[in-house]
Amino acid sequence: MEKKAPDTTPVVLMNFTHVYEQESFYKKEPHCWIDLTDLEGVNGYCDENAVKDIRERIARLSPYGLHFIDSGNYHYVSKFWTDRIREDFVLVLFDHHTDMQPSRFGELLSCGSWVKDVLDENPFVRKVVIIGADKHYLDHIDEAYRDRLVCFTTDSLGMEKNWRAFAQAHVRLPVFISIDKDVLSPKEEITDWDQGNMSLAMLEGILQILIRRHRILGIDICGECPELLGEGLEAVRVNDSVNEKLVNFLKDQIFMKHNRAVICRIEDPDFGCEERPEGRPAACRVFLKELPENGDGSRCKDKVFAMLMEEKLLEERGLAEGMTVVLDEDGTLAKILETEGL
C-alpha cells in the first residue's frame, strides 16, 4: 500500500552545529527540532555511541518525510533514515562527491563512506543513482559496486535530451532522495566543501521529474555552512534562501501530484541573451493557482506556483489561461474543465 505523508508532516531539522538557529526558512512550516549539539564523535564520522544516540532520537519520526541534516559532514545520517525503509527502493543522490570511499576511520561510518555502507548493508536498496558528482570522484569508485550504480556528471546530464526517458530507464522503484547542496555551483550556494556546477534550476528540473513519475519515500538535504557562522552572514543568508526555495518547490510539486490547479498565466520561453540550447524543446513557464480538493472552482489560497511545460504540448492539448488542470501520468498538465472568473 502506498504511504502518503499527511499535509501536516513537519520539516525535520537535525541541528548538530547551531546553524539552523541562524536561519528562518522553516519557521512558516510545521517543523520538528532535533537537538544534537551535545553529541561528541559526530563531525565527519559517527562513533558507536553517537550512532546509538542518533537512532534513538529519530526513532519516533518517520523516514517518509523531509529532513534537513545540517552540514555535509553529517550526510551519513541519510543511512539512519534509509535503514528504516522496508521495501525495495532506489537511492537518488545529488552530490558533488560519491560518498563511496572506504572510511578513513576504520570501521566507523563517515560522511565520505555512507553510500558504500548502504550498498553493503541494506538489502532493500536495489540501485543508487549519483547525480552531479565530479568525474574525478566517479573514477575512484570500486569496480565491485558499479553494477548497482548509475552515475551522471552535471555535464552529461546537461546533454540528456529526454528527462522522462532518463527517469524511466534508471528509476523504476520508489525513491529516497538525498541532496548535498555542494552539488550546486558556488554562484548559487555556499557550502564548506568543494562544489559542483549544477544550477538550482537543473536540480529542481530533475526533482520535478522524479516526484511526478515515482513514489517518493523521503527526502533529506544537507550542505549548510557552519564553518562561517559568526563570520560570514552572507553564507547564512544564501543557505537560508536556497533552503526556502527548495521547501517551497517540493511542497508545490507534491501538491500538484495529488490535486487540481488553475492556469492563471503562461509565459513564453525566454532564454535571455542566449539562444535556446540545441536539441532542447521550447518550454513555457506555466503559473498555477491551487484549488481545494473538492474542485468546486473556489480559490483555496492566494498562492501561485510555476512549472515548465513544452510549448508544443501546451498547444496540442489546447491549454490556456483560466483552465483547470491536473497532472497527467507522464507528469505534464492535462485539461479537465474550464473555470471562469479567475
Protein backbone atom coordinates (compact mmCIF):
# COMPACT_ATOMS: atom_id res chain seq x y z
CA MET A 1 0.00 0.00 0.00
CA GLU A 2 1.32 3.44 -0.90
CA LYS A 3 2.37 5.51 2.09
CA LYS A 4 1.34 9.12 1.65
CA ALA A 5 2.52 11.57 4.27
CA PRO A 6 -0.17 13.93 5.56
CA ASP A 7 -0.05 17.58 4.59
CA THR A 8 0.90 18.44 8.17
CA THR A 9 4.06 16.31 8.13
CA PRO A 10 6.69 18.56 9.72
CA VAL A 11 10.02 19.56 8.28
CA VAL A 12 12.58 17.75 10.44
CA LEU A 13 15.63 19.80 11.45
CA MET A 14 18.64 17.86 12.75
CA ASN A 15 20.66 20.54 14.49
CA PHE A 16 24.28 19.46 15.01
CA THR A 17 26.06 22.82 14.75
CA HIS A 18 23.51 25.53 15.71
CA VAL A 19 23.40 26.54 12.05
CA TYR A 20 19.61 26.36 11.76
CA GLU A 21 19.31 28.77 14.67
CA GLN A 22 20.71 31.38 12.27
CA GLU A 23 18.19 30.58 9.52
CA SER A 24 14.44 31.13 9.20
CA PHE A 25 13.27 29.14 6.14
CA TYR A 26 11.41 26.60 8.28
CA LYS A 27 9.58 28.98 10.60
CA LYS A 28 6.45 29.22 8.45
CA GLU A 29 6.25 25.43 8.17
CA PRO A 30 5.24 22.77 10.70
CA HIS A 31 8.65 21.63 11.89
CA CYS A 32 10.28 19.29 14.36
CA TRP A 33 13.55 20.25 16.01
CA ILE A 34 16.08 17.54 16.97
CA ASP A 35 18.87 18.93 19.09
CA LEU A 36 22.12 17.02 18.53
CA THR A 37 24.55 19.74 19.60
CA ASP A 38 25.51 17.83 22.78
CA LEU A 39 26.87 14.80 20.90
CA GLU A 40 30.56 14.01 20.52
CA GLY A 41 32.16 11.82 17.87
CA VAL A 42 29.85 13.04 15.09
CA ASN A 43 31.76 15.58 12.96
CA GLY A 44 32.65 13.86 9.68
CA TYR A 45 32.30 10.40 11.21
CA CYS A 46 29.97 8.76 13.72
CA ASP A 47 31.28 6.60 16.54
CA GLU A 48 29.30 3.73 18.09
CA ASN A 49 27.88 5.75 20.99
CA ALA A 50 26.74 8.52 18.66
CA VAL A 51 25.12 6.02 16.27
CA LYS A 52 23.04 4.69 19.17
CA ASP A 53 22.10 8.18 20.37
CA ILE A 54 21.07 9.47 16.94
CA ARG A 55 18.99 6.39 16.16
CA GLU A 56 17.15 6.80 19.46
CA ARG A 57 16.44 10.49 18.86
CA ILE A 58 14.90 9.94 15.43
CA ALA A 59 13.09 6.70 16.34
CA ARG A 60 9.67 8.35 16.75
CA LEU A 61 9.91 10.11 13.38
CA SER A 62 9.08 8.64 10.01
CA PRO A 63 11.69 8.30 7.25
CA TYR A 64 8.82 9.25 4.90
CA GLY A 65 9.34 12.99 5.13
CA LEU A 66 11.62 15.97 4.55
CA HIS A 67 14.74 16.11 6.72
CA PHE A 68 17.37 18.85 6.91
CA ILE A 69 20.52 17.28 8.32
CA ASP A 70 22.95 20.21 8.75
CA SER A 71 26.42 20.29 7.15
CA GLY A 72 27.68 17.77 4.63
CA ASN A 73 29.84 16.45 7.46
CA TYR A 74 26.68 14.75 8.76
CA HIS A 75 25.47 13.31 5.46
CA TYR A 76 25.90 9.83 6.93
CA VAL A 77 22.59 10.47 8.76
CA SER A 78 20.90 9.52 5.48
CA LYS A 79 21.89 5.94 6.25
CA PHE A 80 19.91 6.02 9.50
CA TRP A 81 16.78 7.17 7.66
CA THR A 82 17.11 4.66 4.80
CA ASP A 83 17.87 1.78 7.19
CA ARG A 84 14.26 2.05 8.36
CA ILE A 85 12.69 1.54 4.92
CA ARG A 86 11.32 -1.97 4.49
CA GLU A 87 10.62 -2.16 0.77
CA ASP A 88 12.78 -2.19 -2.34
CA PHE A 89 13.79 1.31 -3.42
CA VAL A 90 16.27 3.39 -5.37
CA LEU A 91 18.52 5.88 -3.61
CA VAL A 92 18.97 9.02 -5.73
CA LEU A 93 21.92 11.08 -4.53
CA PHE A 94 22.64 14.66 -5.64
CA ASP A 95 26.23 15.29 -4.56
CA HIS A 96 29.49 16.69 -5.89
CA HIS A 97 31.14 13.68 -4.21
CA THR A 98 30.22 10.00 -4.43
CA ASP A 99 30.39 9.24 -0.68
CA MET A 100 31.55 5.80 -1.84
CA GLN A 101 35.06 5.89 -0.39
CA PRO A 102 36.31 3.43 2.24
CA SER A 103 36.07 5.08 5.64
CA ARG A 104 39.19 6.88 6.82
CA PHE A 105 38.22 5.99 10.38
CA GLY A 106 38.45 2.20 10.31
CA GLU A 107 35.00 0.67 10.62
CA LEU A 108 33.32 3.92 11.63
CA LEU A 109 30.52 5.32 9.49
CA SER A 110 31.58 8.58 7.82
CA CYS A 111 30.24 11.28 5.53
CA GLY A 112 32.51 10.00 2.75
CA SER A 113 31.62 6.31 3.06
CA TRP A 114 27.92 6.13 3.91
CA VAL A 115 26.66 5.29 0.39
CA LYS A 116 29.10 2.37 0.22
CA ASP A 117 27.86 1.24 3.64
CA VAL A 118 24.24 1.45 2.47
CA LEU A 119 25.02 -0.77 -0.52
CA ASP A 120 26.93 -3.20 1.72
CA GLU A 121 24.29 -3.46 4.45
CA ASN A 122 20.82 -2.55 3.18
CA PRO A 123 19.16 -5.37 1.16
CA PHE A 124 16.28 -3.10 0.10
CA VAL A 125 18.47 -0.68 -1.88
CA ARG A 126 18.32 -2.05 -5.42
CA LYS A 127 20.24 0.76 -7.09
CA VAL A 128 21.97 4.05 -6.33
CA VAL A 129 21.81 6.91 -8.85
CA ILE A 130 24.51 9.52 -8.24
CA ILE A 131 23.84 12.84 -9.95
CA GLY A 132 26.28 15.73 -10.25
CA ALA A 133 29.46 14.11 -8.92
CA ASP A 134 32.83 15.20 -10.25
CA LYS A 135 34.34 12.76 -12.76
CA HIS A 136 37.49 12.53 -10.64
CA TYR A 137 35.48 11.06 -7.76
CA LEU A 138 33.47 8.78 -10.05
CA ASP A 139 36.68 7.29 -11.45
CA HIS A 140 37.69 6.14 -7.95
CA ILE A 141 34.58 4.03 -7.25
CA ASP A 142 35.39 0.39 -6.58
CA GLU A 143 34.51 -1.74 -9.63
CA ALA A 144 32.67 -4.22 -7.38
CA TYR A 145 29.83 -1.71 -6.94
CA ARG A 146 29.36 -0.48 -10.49
CA ASP A 147 26.58 -2.92 -11.39
CA ARG A 148 24.40 -1.28 -8.73
CA LEU A 149 25.31 2.30 -9.57
CA VAL A 150 24.24 4.76 -12.27
CA CYS A 151 26.39 7.89 -12.26
CA PHE A 152 25.99 11.20 -14.08
CA THR A 153 28.15 14.28 -14.04
CA THR A 154 26.35 17.60 -14.36
CA ASP A 155 27.76 17.99 -17.89
CA SER A 156 26.44 14.61 -19.04
CA LEU A 157 23.03 15.41 -17.59
CA GLY A 158 23.03 18.68 -19.50
CA MET A 159 23.23 16.68 -22.72
CA GLU A 160 20.21 14.48 -21.84
CA LYS A 161 17.51 15.30 -24.40
CA ASN A 162 14.66 13.49 -22.66
CA TRP A 163 14.43 13.68 -18.88
CA ARG A 164 11.44 11.38 -18.79
CA ALA A 165 13.38 8.69 -20.64
CA PHE A 166 16.21 9.06 -18.13
CA ALA A 167 13.89 8.51 -15.16
CA GLN A 168 12.07 5.63 -16.84
CA ALA A 169 15.30 3.85 -17.72
CA HIS A 170 17.09 4.21 -14.39
CA VAL A 171 14.47 4.73 -11.68
CA ARG A 172 11.75 2.06 -11.68
CA LEU A 173 11.06 1.71 -7.95
CA PRO A 174 10.05 4.03 -5.11
CA VAL A 175 12.74 6.63 -4.47
CA PHE A 176 14.56 8.09 -1.50
CA ILE A 177 16.24 11.38 -2.44
CA SER A 178 19.35 12.68 -0.69
CA ILE A 179 20.67 16.14 -1.60
CA ASP A 180 24.02 17.61 -0.64
CA LYS A 181 23.93 21.24 -1.71
CA ASP A 182 27.63 21.10 -2.61
CA VAL A 183 26.33 19.74 -5.93
CA LEU A 184 25.31 23.33 -6.70
CA SER A 185 27.52 25.94 -8.28
CA PRO A 186 29.22 28.44 -5.92
CA LYS A 187 27.21 31.07 -7.81
CA GLU A 188 24.06 29.53 -6.31
CA GLU A 189 25.13 28.26 -2.88
CA ILE A 190 27.91 28.49 -0.27
CA THR A 191 28.99 25.27 1.45
CA ASP A 192 32.03 24.16 3.43
CA TRP A 193 33.14 21.63 0.78
CA ASP A 194 34.38 21.94 -2.80
CA GLN A 195 31.38 22.36 -5.06
CA GLY A 196 29.98 21.31 -8.41
CA ASN A 197 28.49 23.39 -11.21
CA MET A 198 24.80 22.43 -11.17
CA SER A 199 22.27 25.22 -11.22
CA LEU A 200 19.34 25.32 -8.84
CA ALA A 201 17.04 25.26 -11.89
CA MET A 202 18.60 22.00 -13.10
CA LEU A 203 18.28 20.44 -9.64
CA GLU A 204 14.62 21.41 -9.50
CA GLY A 205 14.06 20.11 -13.03
CA ILE A 206 15.32 16.64 -12.13
CA LEU A 207 13.42 16.64 -8.83
CA GLN A 208 10.26 17.59 -10.70
CA ILE A 209 10.51 14.52 -12.90
CA LEU A 210 11.29 12.19 -10.02
CA ILE A 211 8.40 13.47 -7.91
CA ARG A 212 5.87 13.30 -10.73
CA ARG A 213 6.80 9.86 -12.00
CA HIS A 214 7.72 7.99 -8.82
CA ARG A 215 6.61 7.46 -5.27
CA ILE A 216 8.95 9.44 -3.03
CA LEU A 217 9.74 7.72 0.25
CA GLY A 218 11.67 10.57 1.81
CA ILE A 219 13.99 13.47 1.11
CA ASP A 220 16.94 14.76 3.07
CA ILE A 221 19.02 17.88 2.46
CA CYS A 222 22.44 18.82 3.82
CA GLY A 223 25.19 21.27 2.89
CA GLU A 224 24.91 24.04 5.45
CA CYS A 225 27.99 26.12 6.18
CA PRO A 226 28.61 26.21 9.96
CA GLU A 227 32.32 27.00 9.45
CA LEU A 228 31.32 30.56 8.63
CA LEU A 229 28.87 31.11 11.49
CA GLY A 230 29.57 34.42 13.16
CA GLU A 231 31.93 35.40 10.37
CA GLY A 232 30.01 35.09 7.14
CA LEU A 233 26.43 36.29 7.40
CA GLU A 234 26.25 36.15 3.62
CA ALA A 235 26.69 32.36 3.77
CA VAL A 236 23.82 32.10 6.24
CA ARG A 237 21.61 34.30 4.05
CA VAL A 238 22.39 32.31 0.89
CA ASN A 239 21.80 28.94 2.56
CA ASP A 240 18.57 30.16 4.12
CA SER A 241 17.35 31.40 0.73
CA VAL A 242 18.20 28.15 -1.09
CA ASN A 243 16.54 26.09 1.65
CA GLU A 244 13.39 28.20 1.44
CA LYS A 245 13.27 27.82 -2.35
CA LEU A 246 13.68 24.05 -2.07
CA VAL A 247 10.97 23.70 0.59
CA ASN A 248 8.51 25.76 -1.45
CA PHE A 249 9.38 23.92 -4.65
CA LEU A 250 8.96 20.49 -3.06
CA LYS A 251 5.64 21.47 -1.50
CA ASP A 252 4.34 22.73 -4.85
CA GLN A 253 5.41 19.60 -6.72
CA ILE A 254 3.94 17.20 -4.19
CA PHE A 255 0.71 19.22 -4.09
CA MET A 256 0.32 19.11 -7.86
CA LYS A 257 0.86 15.36 -7.86
CA HIS A 258 -2.33 14.87 -5.84
CA ASN A 259 -4.52 17.91 -6.59
CA ARG A 260 -6.01 20.22 -9.21
CA ALA A 261 -4.96 23.76 -10.08
CA VAL A 262 -6.00 26.62 -12.36
CA ILE A 263 -3.69 28.08 -15.01
CA CYS A 264 -3.51 31.78 -14.21
CA ARG A 265 -0.65 32.80 -16.53
CA ILE A 266 1.53 31.35 -19.29
CA GLU A 267 4.85 32.98 -20.15
CA ASP A 268 6.57 32.37 -23.48
CA PRO A 269 10.04 30.79 -23.50
CA ASP A 270 12.76 33.24 -22.53
CA PHE A 271 16.44 32.43 -22.82
CA GLY A 272 17.63 35.97 -22.11
CA CYS A 273 20.57 36.98 -24.24
CA GLU A 274 21.36 33.34 -25.09
CA GLU A 275 19.89 31.17 -27.82
CA ARG A 276 17.84 28.13 -26.89
CA PRO A 277 20.27 25.21 -26.35
CA GLU A 278 20.44 22.89 -29.33
CA GLY A 279 18.12 19.92 -29.00
CA ARG A 280 16.11 21.39 -26.15
CA PRO A 281 12.41 21.97 -26.97
CA ALA A 282 10.91 25.37 -26.26
CA ALA A 283 9.25 25.35 -22.85
CA CYS A 284 6.79 27.85 -21.37
CA ARG A 285 6.55 28.73 -17.71
CA VAL A 286 3.02 27.94 -16.53
CA PHE A 287 1.78 29.68 -13.38
CA LEU A 288 -0.82 27.75 -11.40
CA LYS A 289 -3.16 28.57 -8.54
CA GLU A 290 -4.21 25.86 -6.09
CA LEU A 291 -7.79 24.55 -5.91
CA PRO A 292 -9.32 22.79 -2.93
CA GLU A 293 -9.53 19.01 -3.17
CA ASN A 294 -13.27 19.08 -3.94
CA GLY A 295 -12.52 21.03 -7.15
CA ASP A 296 -15.53 23.34 -6.77
CA GLY A 297 -13.73 26.19 -8.54
CA SER A 298 -13.36 28.38 -5.47
CA ARG A 299 -9.95 29.66 -4.51
CA CYS A 300 -8.42 27.94 -1.53
CA LYS A 301 -5.29 30.07 -1.17
CA ASP A 302 -3.83 33.18 -2.70
CA LYS A 303 -0.75 31.24 -3.72
CA VAL A 304 0.71 30.84 -7.19
CA PHE A 305 3.46 28.44 -8.23
CA ALA A 306 5.06 27.57 -11.55
CA MET A 307 6.20 24.67 -13.68
CA LEU A 308 7.75 24.26 -17.12
CA MET A 309 5.93 22.56 -19.99
CA GLU A 310 6.85 22.20 -23.64
CA GLU A 311 5.23 24.87 -25.81
CA LYS A 312 4.26 22.30 -28.44
CA LEU A 313 2.49 20.12 -25.85
CA LEU A 314 0.56 23.10 -24.49
CA GLU A 315 -0.72 23.82 -27.98
CA GLU A 316 -1.57 20.18 -28.74
CA ARG A 317 -3.65 19.90 -25.55
CA GLY A 318 -5.30 23.27 -26.03
CA LEU A 319 -4.23 24.53 -22.61
CA ALA A 320 -4.85 28.20 -21.88
CA GLU A 321 -5.20 30.62 -19.01
CA GLY A 322 -8.30 30.03 -16.87
CA MET A 323 -8.41 26.26 -17.39
CA THR A 324 -8.44 23.77 -14.52
CA VAL A 325 -5.76 21.12 -14.92
CA VAL A 326 -4.31 18.07 -13.25
CA LEU A 327 -1.04 16.23 -13.74
CA ASP A 328 -1.24 13.51 -16.36
CA GLU A 329 0.50 10.15 -15.92
CA ASP A 330 3.52 11.47 -17.81
CA GLY A 331 3.98 14.35 -15.37
CA THR A 332 2.61 17.04 -17.70
CA LEU A 333 -0.60 19.08 -17.42
CA ALA A 334 -3.93 17.83 -18.77
CA LYS A 335 -7.18 19.80 -19.09
CA ILE A 336 -10.20 18.64 -17.12
CA LEU A 337 -12.63 21.59 -17.26
CA GLU A 338 -12.76 25.33 -17.85
CA THR A 339 -13.03 27.77 -14.97
CA GLU A 340 -14.34 31.30 -15.28
CA GLY A 341 -13.71 34.34 -13.14
CA LEU A 342 -10.08 33.87 -12.17
